[in-house]
Amino acid sequence: MDNSIMKEIKTVLKEYDITVLNIKTESYKGKKGVWWIKTQKDYKILKKQAYSDKTLEFIIAAMEHLVKNGIYIPKIIKTKKGDSYVLLNETPYLLSEAINGKTLNYNSSENIKKIVTELANFHRASVGFVPPKGCKVRTHLGRWIEKYEKEVEKLKNYYDIECKKEIHSAFGEEILKEFPYFYKRMKKAIDGFNKSEYHKWVEEVKKEGCLCHQDFTAGNLIFTDKNEIYVLDLDSITIDIPLRDIRKILNKIMKRKKKWDLTLVRDILKWYHMKNPLKEYQWQVLKPTLTYPHLFSGIMGKYYEKREKTWTEEKYLRRLKEMIQIDKSLDKVIENFNKILPL
């Protein structure tokens, strides 16, 4: 890391009433970075944000709302002037306390239960959130259908181009074989979202408010010796229906298992429902959410847009085959959908 960045960090830290003993880089990607700041008392975390101060004001307000409603989030350290962040060259920096504890993993159902229960608490605590005036609101509310339609159109275009090629890569051959099946599933999912349940839930959240973390994973949770679970990395927090987080956590866990496990899905929904009960019509929106082949469409988009610069053709192909296998194992869950609901 060059000296100019270190100079910037030191300039930022001067705004705080702390004595800095050491600065260690956790990660740095130009637009954003994370540093461990050792002070006389303890460690702090400094984050360089990749978005505007107006977006950060939305995030901070969301965090404050969650904390007020019982969610543990690392405390933001105020500047000498009493501000929640420092703005340097139009880039916001946020300093917060570092939490001692261990990160959870998905290795036991006891851990998964803790994570899912905390997600339910998170969604419950977020009800009633109203973004402050003047901030830049981040929301995905009501935008799912449009997002999926655009993605399907893009993937269908890649498939059509692949069909016209005279010679296909091994990846291309696999796409030619599998895309028609997944295309049907994508269309079926979009039809499912067009039913009234999704729109009804969106309207409900517009009135009552709800926040989604978007990356509520084991690595972003710290379990302390006081049995508290701290939620980290709220940089992507957004307004949406809770299913956004539920779907992501299900995909994450089943991807690790390399297939969908019907019993575990049922347990996860039951654990969630115990803390944040959803209405029957809301659980019905889960069906199109799961029907959409997120893993297959993700790897297909990555390949044709060459998003992973370091991946070899072999790695892309291996990943594609894995994702196809996992997404196809979901058929059993869809077929038994009403049996897995916690109602």
Protein backbone atom coordinates (compact mmCIF):
# COMPACT_ATOMS: atom_id res chain seq x y z
CA MET A 1 0.00 0.00 0.00
CA ASP A 2 1.45 3.35 -1.00
CA ASN A 3 2.35 6.21 1.33
CA SER A 4 -0.44 8.49 0.08
CA ILE A 5 -3.08 6.07 1.43
CA MET A 6 -1.30 5.81 4.78
CA LYS A 7 -1.20 9.60 4.88
CA GLU A 8 -4.97 9.72 4.20
CA ILE A 9 -5.65 7.25 7.01
CA LYS A 10 -3.53 9.21 9.46
CA THR A 11 -5.36 12.41 8.46
CA VAL A 12 -8.70 10.69 9.11
CA LEU A 13 -7.59 9.27 12.47
CA LYS A 14 -6.56 12.74 13.68
CA GLU A 15 -10.27 13.57 13.76
CA TYR A 16 -10.73 11.08 16.61
CA ASP A 17 -9.86 11.33 20.26
CA ILE A 18 -7.66 8.21 20.24
CA THR A 19 -3.95 7.43 20.52
CA VAL A 20 -2.93 5.26 17.56
CA LEU A 21 -0.16 2.73 18.24
CA ASN A 22 -0.34 0.70 15.04
CA ILE A 23 -2.25 0.41 11.73
CA LYS A 24 -2.66 -2.97 10.03
CA THR A 25 -4.31 -3.48 6.63
CA GLU A 26 -7.05 -6.10 6.54
CA SER A 27 -7.98 -5.46 2.89
CA TYR A 28 -7.55 -2.66 0.37
CA LYS A 29 -9.06 -2.34 -3.12
CA GLY A 30 -8.55 1.30 -4.03
CA LYS A 31 -12.12 2.50 -3.62
CA LYS A 32 -12.59 0.65 -0.34
CA GLY A 33 -10.44 -0.64 2.47
CA VAL A 34 -10.45 -2.04 6.01
CA TRP A 35 -7.76 -1.39 8.63
CA TRP A 36 -7.18 -2.59 12.19
CA ILE A 37 -6.28 0.37 14.40
CA LYS A 38 -4.45 -0.49 17.62
CA THR A 39 -5.05 2.09 20.37
CA GLN A 40 -3.87 2.22 23.99
CA LYS A 41 -7.08 0.55 25.14
CA ASP A 42 -8.11 -1.83 22.37
CA TYR A 43 -8.54 -2.30 18.62
CA LYS A 44 -10.83 -0.33 16.34
CA ILE A 45 -11.83 -0.98 12.73
CA LEU A 46 -11.52 1.78 10.13
CA LYS A 47 -13.43 1.39 6.87
CA LYS A 48 -13.03 3.40 3.71
CA GLN A 49 -16.42 3.30 2.01
CA ALA A 50 -16.94 2.81 -1.72
CA TYR A 51 -20.11 4.89 -1.82
CA SER A 52 -21.21 8.44 -1.05
CA ASP A 53 -21.73 10.01 2.35
CA LYS A 54 -25.48 10.22 1.58
CA THR A 55 -25.63 6.42 1.20
CA LEU A 56 -23.60 6.05 4.40
CA GLU A 57 -26.17 8.20 6.21
CA PHE A 58 -28.85 5.69 5.16
CA ILE A 59 -26.70 2.79 6.44
CA ILE A 60 -25.94 4.48 9.77
CA ALA A 61 -29.65 5.29 10.32
CA ALA A 62 -30.51 1.64 9.57
CA MET A 63 -27.85 0.44 12.04
CA GLU A 64 -29.10 2.81 14.74
CA HIS A 65 -32.67 1.55 14.25
CA LEU A 66 -31.56 -2.09 14.56
CA VAL A 67 -29.46 -1.41 17.68
CA LYS A 68 -32.40 0.39 19.30
CA ASN A 69 -34.45 -2.76 18.68
CA GLY A 70 -31.99 -5.17 20.26
CA ILE A 71 -29.55 -6.17 17.50
CA TYR A 72 -25.85 -6.16 18.42
CA ILE A 73 -23.79 -4.16 15.94
CA PRO A 74 -20.24 -2.85 16.59
CA LYS A 75 -20.49 0.66 18.03
CA ILE A 76 -19.60 3.56 15.73
CA ILE A 77 -16.91 5.78 17.26
CA LYS A 78 -17.80 9.47 17.04
CA THR A 79 -15.25 12.07 15.95
CA LYS A 80 -14.05 14.88 18.24
CA LYS A 81 -16.77 17.02 16.64
CA GLY A 82 -19.40 14.37 17.38
CA ASP A 83 -19.85 13.20 13.77
CA SER A 84 -20.48 9.55 12.87
CA TYR A 85 -17.93 9.54 10.02
CA VAL A 86 -15.10 11.52 8.45
CA LEU A 87 -15.38 12.85 4.90
CA LEU A 88 -12.02 13.21 3.17
CA ASN A 89 -11.79 14.09 -0.55
CA GLU A 90 -15.52 13.23 -0.79
CA THR A 91 -14.82 9.71 0.52
CA PRO A 92 -16.45 8.69 3.83
CA TYR A 93 -14.47 6.80 6.50
CA LEU A 94 -16.16 5.02 9.39
CA LEU A 95 -14.47 3.99 12.65
CA SER A 96 -16.08 1.37 14.86
CA GLU A 97 -15.20 -0.86 17.79
CA ALA A 98 -13.68 -4.29 17.12
CA ILE A 99 -15.58 -7.18 18.70
CA ASN A 100 -13.86 -10.05 20.49
CA GLY A 101 -15.34 -13.46 19.86
CA LYS A 102 -15.43 -16.24 17.31
CA THR A 103 -17.09 -16.35 13.93
CA LEU A 104 -19.73 -19.01 13.51
CA ASN A 105 -19.62 -21.68 10.79
CA TYR A 106 -22.15 -23.98 9.11
CA ASN A 107 -20.63 -27.21 10.44
CA SER A 108 -23.40 -28.04 12.90
CA SER A 109 -27.16 -27.69 12.89
CA GLU A 110 -26.81 -25.91 16.25
CA ASN A 111 -24.75 -23.17 14.55
CA ILE A 112 -27.11 -22.96 11.58
CA LYS A 113 -30.01 -22.58 14.03
CA LYS A 114 -28.18 -19.70 15.78
CA ILE A 115 -27.54 -17.93 12.45
CA VAL A 116 -31.10 -18.37 11.14
CA THR A 117 -32.64 -17.33 14.47
CA GLU A 118 -30.50 -14.19 14.47
CA LEU A 119 -31.57 -13.42 10.89
CA ALA A 120 -35.21 -13.65 12.01
CA ASN A 121 -34.44 -11.30 14.94
CA PHE A 122 -32.71 -8.92 12.51
CA HIS A 123 -35.77 -8.74 10.23
CA ARG A 124 -38.12 -8.30 13.19
CA ALA A 125 -35.98 -5.49 14.61
CA SER A 126 -35.96 -3.71 11.24
CA VAL A 127 -39.73 -3.20 11.11
CA GLY A 128 -40.69 0.46 11.45
CA PHE A 129 -37.48 1.78 9.89
CA VAL A 130 -37.97 5.09 8.08
CA PRO A 131 -34.96 6.48 6.16
CA PRO A 132 -33.93 9.98 7.27
CA LYS A 133 -34.60 12.89 4.95
CA GLY A 134 -31.74 13.82 2.63
CA CYS A 135 -30.04 10.42 2.64
CA LYS A 136 -29.67 8.20 -0.44
CA VAL A 137 -32.10 5.34 0.12
CA ARG A 138 -30.96 1.88 -0.95
CA THR A 139 -33.87 -0.34 -1.93
CA HIS A 140 -34.68 -3.45 -3.98
CA LEU A 141 -38.33 -3.37 -2.98
CA GLY A 142 -40.69 -4.32 -5.80
CA ARG A 143 -37.87 -4.65 -8.33
CA TRP A 144 -37.44 -8.43 -8.45
CA ILE A 145 -39.51 -9.13 -11.56
CA GLU A 146 -37.74 -6.47 -13.63
CA LYS A 147 -34.32 -7.70 -12.40
CA TYR A 148 -35.04 -11.34 -13.25
CA GLU A 149 -36.55 -10.47 -16.64
CA LYS A 150 -33.43 -8.49 -17.60
CA GLU A 151 -31.16 -11.31 -16.44
CA VAL A 152 -33.14 -13.96 -18.35
CA GLU A 153 -33.06 -11.84 -21.51
CA LYS A 154 -29.28 -11.43 -21.17
CA LEU A 155 -28.69 -15.16 -20.60
CA LYS A 156 -31.01 -16.15 -23.46
CA ASN A 157 -28.96 -13.83 -25.69
CA TYR A 158 -25.71 -15.61 -24.63
CA TYR A 159 -27.38 -18.95 -25.36
CA ASP A 160 -28.54 -17.80 -28.83
CA ILE A 161 -25.00 -16.59 -29.64
CA GLU A 162 -23.60 -19.95 -28.45
CA CYS A 163 -26.11 -21.80 -30.70
CA LYS A 164 -24.79 -19.93 -33.75
CA LYS A 165 -21.12 -20.76 -33.12
CA GLU A 166 -19.59 -23.40 -35.36
CA ILE A 167 -17.24 -24.65 -32.65
CA HIS A 168 -18.19 -24.77 -28.99
CA SER A 169 -15.99 -24.85 -25.91
CA ALA A 170 -16.73 -27.61 -23.37
CA PHE A 171 -18.54 -24.94 -21.32
CA GLY A 172 -20.58 -23.95 -24.40
CA GLU A 173 -21.52 -27.60 -25.05
CA GLU A 174 -22.81 -27.88 -21.49
CA ILE A 175 -24.84 -24.66 -21.87
CA LEU A 176 -26.43 -25.94 -25.11
CA LYS A 177 -27.47 -29.11 -23.30
CA GLU A 178 -28.72 -27.56 -20.04
CA PHE A 179 -30.01 -24.05 -20.85
CA PRO A 180 -33.45 -25.09 -22.19
CA TYR A 181 -34.29 -26.81 -18.88
CA PHE A 182 -33.16 -23.84 -16.79
CA TYR A 183 -34.82 -21.35 -19.13
CA LYS A 184 -38.17 -23.04 -18.42
CA ARG A 185 -37.50 -22.76 -14.70
CA MET A 186 -36.61 -19.07 -15.01
CA LYS A 187 -39.85 -18.37 -16.88
CA LYS A 188 -41.86 -20.34 -14.31
CA ALA A 189 -40.28 -18.34 -11.48
CA ILE A 190 -41.11 -15.00 -13.12
CA ASP A 191 -44.73 -16.13 -13.62
CA GLY A 192 -44.80 -16.99 -9.90
CA PHE A 193 -43.63 -13.50 -8.94
CA ASN A 194 -46.33 -11.96 -11.08
CA LYS A 195 -48.96 -13.52 -8.80
CA SER A 196 -50.49 -11.21 -6.23
CA GLU A 197 -48.60 -12.56 -3.16
CA TYR A 198 -45.29 -10.88 -4.07
CA HIS A 199 -46.95 -7.51 -4.81
CA LYS A 200 -49.03 -7.73 -1.64
CA TRP A 201 -45.90 -8.28 0.47
CA VAL A 202 -44.09 -5.39 -1.24
CA GLU A 203 -47.00 -3.08 -0.37
CA GLU A 204 -46.89 -4.29 3.24
CA VAL A 205 -43.16 -3.54 3.55
CA LYS A 206 -43.71 -0.10 1.99
CA LYS A 207 -46.00 0.65 4.94
CA GLU A 208 -44.18 -1.18 7.75
CA GLY A 209 -40.53 -1.13 6.65
CA CYS A 210 -38.07 -4.01 6.53
CA LEU A 211 -34.29 -4.19 6.09
CA CYS A 212 -32.25 -6.93 4.44
CA HIS A 213 -28.57 -7.39 5.27
CA GLN A 214 -27.78 -9.04 1.88
CA ASP A 215 -24.75 -10.89 3.23
CA PHE A 216 -26.00 -12.45 6.47
CA THR A 217 -23.37 -15.18 6.48
CA ALA A 218 -21.46 -17.03 9.19
CA GLY A 219 -18.35 -14.94 8.47
CA ASN A 220 -20.26 -11.73 9.21
CA LEU A 221 -21.41 -12.85 12.66
CA ILE A 222 -19.34 -12.85 15.85
CA PHE A 223 -20.36 -14.95 18.82
CA THR A 224 -19.05 -13.46 22.08
CA ASP A 225 -18.35 -15.19 25.40
CA LYS A 226 -21.49 -13.45 26.74
CA ASN A 227 -23.53 -15.43 24.15
CA GLU A 228 -24.26 -12.29 22.14
CA ILE A 229 -24.24 -12.41 18.36
CA TYR A 230 -22.80 -9.29 16.73
CA VAL A 231 -23.76 -8.57 13.12
CA LEU A 232 -20.91 -7.15 11.01
CA ASP A 233 -20.54 -5.60 7.58
CA LEU A 234 -23.83 -3.80 7.01
CA ASP A 235 -22.41 -2.02 3.94
CA SER A 236 -24.98 -3.61 1.63
CA ILE A 237 -28.07 -3.11 3.81
CA THR A 238 -31.17 -2.43 1.74
CA ILE A 239 -34.95 -2.14 2.00
CA ASP A 240 -36.67 -5.32 0.76
CA ILE A 241 -38.90 -8.22 1.72
CA PRO A 242 -37.10 -10.62 4.14
CA LEU A 243 -37.04 -13.41 1.53
CA ARG A 244 -34.01 -11.77 -0.06
CA ASP A 245 -31.88 -12.80 2.95
CA ILE A 246 -33.65 -16.14 3.49
CA ARG A 247 -32.98 -17.19 -0.11
CA LYS A 248 -29.33 -16.14 0.09
CA ILE A 249 -28.71 -18.06 3.31
CA LEU A 250 -30.40 -21.19 1.90
CA ASN A 251 -28.30 -21.01 -1.27
CA LYS A 252 -25.12 -20.51 0.76
CA ILE A 253 -25.74 -23.52 3.00
CA MET A 254 -26.91 -25.88 0.23
CA LYS A 255 -23.98 -24.86 -1.97
CA ARG A 256 -21.63 -26.00 0.80
CA LYS A 257 -23.52 -29.29 1.06
CA LYS A 258 -23.34 -29.61 -2.75
CA LYS A 259 -27.06 -30.47 -2.85
CA TRP A 260 -30.41 -29.34 -1.45
CA ASP A 261 -31.29 -31.16 1.76
CA LEU A 262 -35.06 -31.28 2.22
CA THR A 263 -34.93 -31.91 6.00
CA LEU A 264 -32.47 -29.09 6.60
CA VAL A 265 -34.54 -26.66 4.49
CA ARG A 266 -37.59 -27.56 6.58
CA ASP A 267 -35.62 -26.99 9.80
CA ILE A 268 -34.23 -23.64 8.63
CA LEU A 269 -37.70 -22.34 7.76
CA LYS A 270 -39.06 -23.63 11.09
CA TRP A 271 -36.25 -21.93 13.09
CA TYR A 272 -36.82 -18.68 11.23
CA HIS A 273 -40.61 -18.85 11.66
CA MET A 274 -40.31 -19.38 15.43
CA LYS A 275 -38.70 -15.93 15.83
CA ASN A 276 -40.27 -14.05 12.94
CA PRO A 277 -43.50 -15.79 11.88
CA LEU A 278 -44.49 -15.11 8.29
CA LYS A 279 -48.02 -15.36 6.94
CA GLU A 280 -48.96 -18.22 4.65
CA TYR A 281 -49.18 -15.97 1.56
CA GLN A 282 -45.64 -14.68 2.32
CA TRP A 283 -44.18 -18.18 2.51
CA GLN A 284 -45.80 -18.89 -0.89
CA VAL A 285 -43.47 -16.27 -2.45
CA LEU A 286 -40.58 -18.58 -1.49
CA LYS A 287 -41.62 -21.01 -4.24
CA PRO A 288 -40.76 -18.81 -7.25
CA THR A 289 -37.73 -17.50 -5.30
CA LEU A 290 -36.34 -21.03 -5.08
CA THR A 291 -37.53 -22.05 -8.56
CA TYR A 292 -35.28 -19.40 -10.13
CA PRO A 293 -31.88 -21.11 -10.73
CA HIS A 294 -29.65 -18.52 -9.04
CA LEU A 295 -26.47 -20.61 -9.06
CA PHE A 296 -26.73 -21.66 -12.72
CA SER A 297 -27.54 -18.14 -13.93
CA GLY A 298 -24.71 -16.73 -11.78
CA ILE A 299 -21.99 -18.94 -13.28
CA MET A 300 -23.36 -18.57 -16.82
CA GLY A 301 -23.26 -14.76 -16.56
CA LYS A 302 -19.75 -14.88 -15.07
CA TYR A 303 -18.43 -16.98 -17.97
CA TYR A 304 -19.83 -14.99 -20.87
CA GLU A 305 -18.90 -11.68 -19.24
CA LYS A 306 -15.45 -13.06 -18.29
CA ARG A 307 -15.86 -11.64 -14.79
CA GLU A 308 -13.31 -13.95 -13.14
CA LYS A 309 -10.09 -12.93 -14.85
CA THR A 310 -7.97 -15.60 -13.13
CA TRP A 311 -10.27 -18.57 -13.79
CA THR A 312 -9.24 -21.18 -16.37
CA GLU A 313 -11.72 -22.82 -18.77
CA GLU A 314 -11.43 -25.96 -16.61
CA LYS A 315 -12.41 -24.07 -13.46
CA TYR A 316 -15.40 -22.46 -15.19
CA LEU A 317 -16.55 -25.86 -16.47
CA ARG A 318 -16.08 -27.54 -13.08
CA ARG A 319 -18.06 -24.77 -11.37
CA LEU A 320 -20.83 -24.92 -13.98
CA LYS A 321 -21.26 -28.69 -13.49
CA GLU A 322 -21.36 -28.24 -9.71
CA MET A 323 -23.98 -25.49 -9.93
CA ILE A 324 -26.13 -27.51 -12.36
CA GLN A 325 -26.06 -30.46 -9.97
CA ILE A 326 -27.02 -28.29 -6.95
CA ASP A 327 -29.75 -26.37 -8.80
CA LYS A 328 -31.27 -29.61 -10.15
CA SER A 329 -31.32 -31.17 -6.68
CA LEU A 330 -33.78 -28.39 -5.79
CA ASP A 331 -36.53 -30.08 -7.83
CA LYS A 332 -37.34 -32.31 -4.84
CA VAL A 333 -37.81 -29.24 -2.62
CA ILE A 334 -40.13 -27.58 -5.16
CA GLU A 335 -42.17 -30.81 -5.57
CA ASN A 336 -42.61 -31.09 -1.78
CA PHE A 337 -42.92 -27.35 -1.27
CA ASN A 338 -46.05 -27.25 0.93
CA LYS A 339 -44.66 -30.01 3.17
CA ILE A 340 -41.58 -27.93 4.09
CA LEU A 341 -43.48 -24.80 5.10
CA PRO A 342 -43.54 -24.09 8.86
CA LEU A 343 -47.31 -23.57 9.05
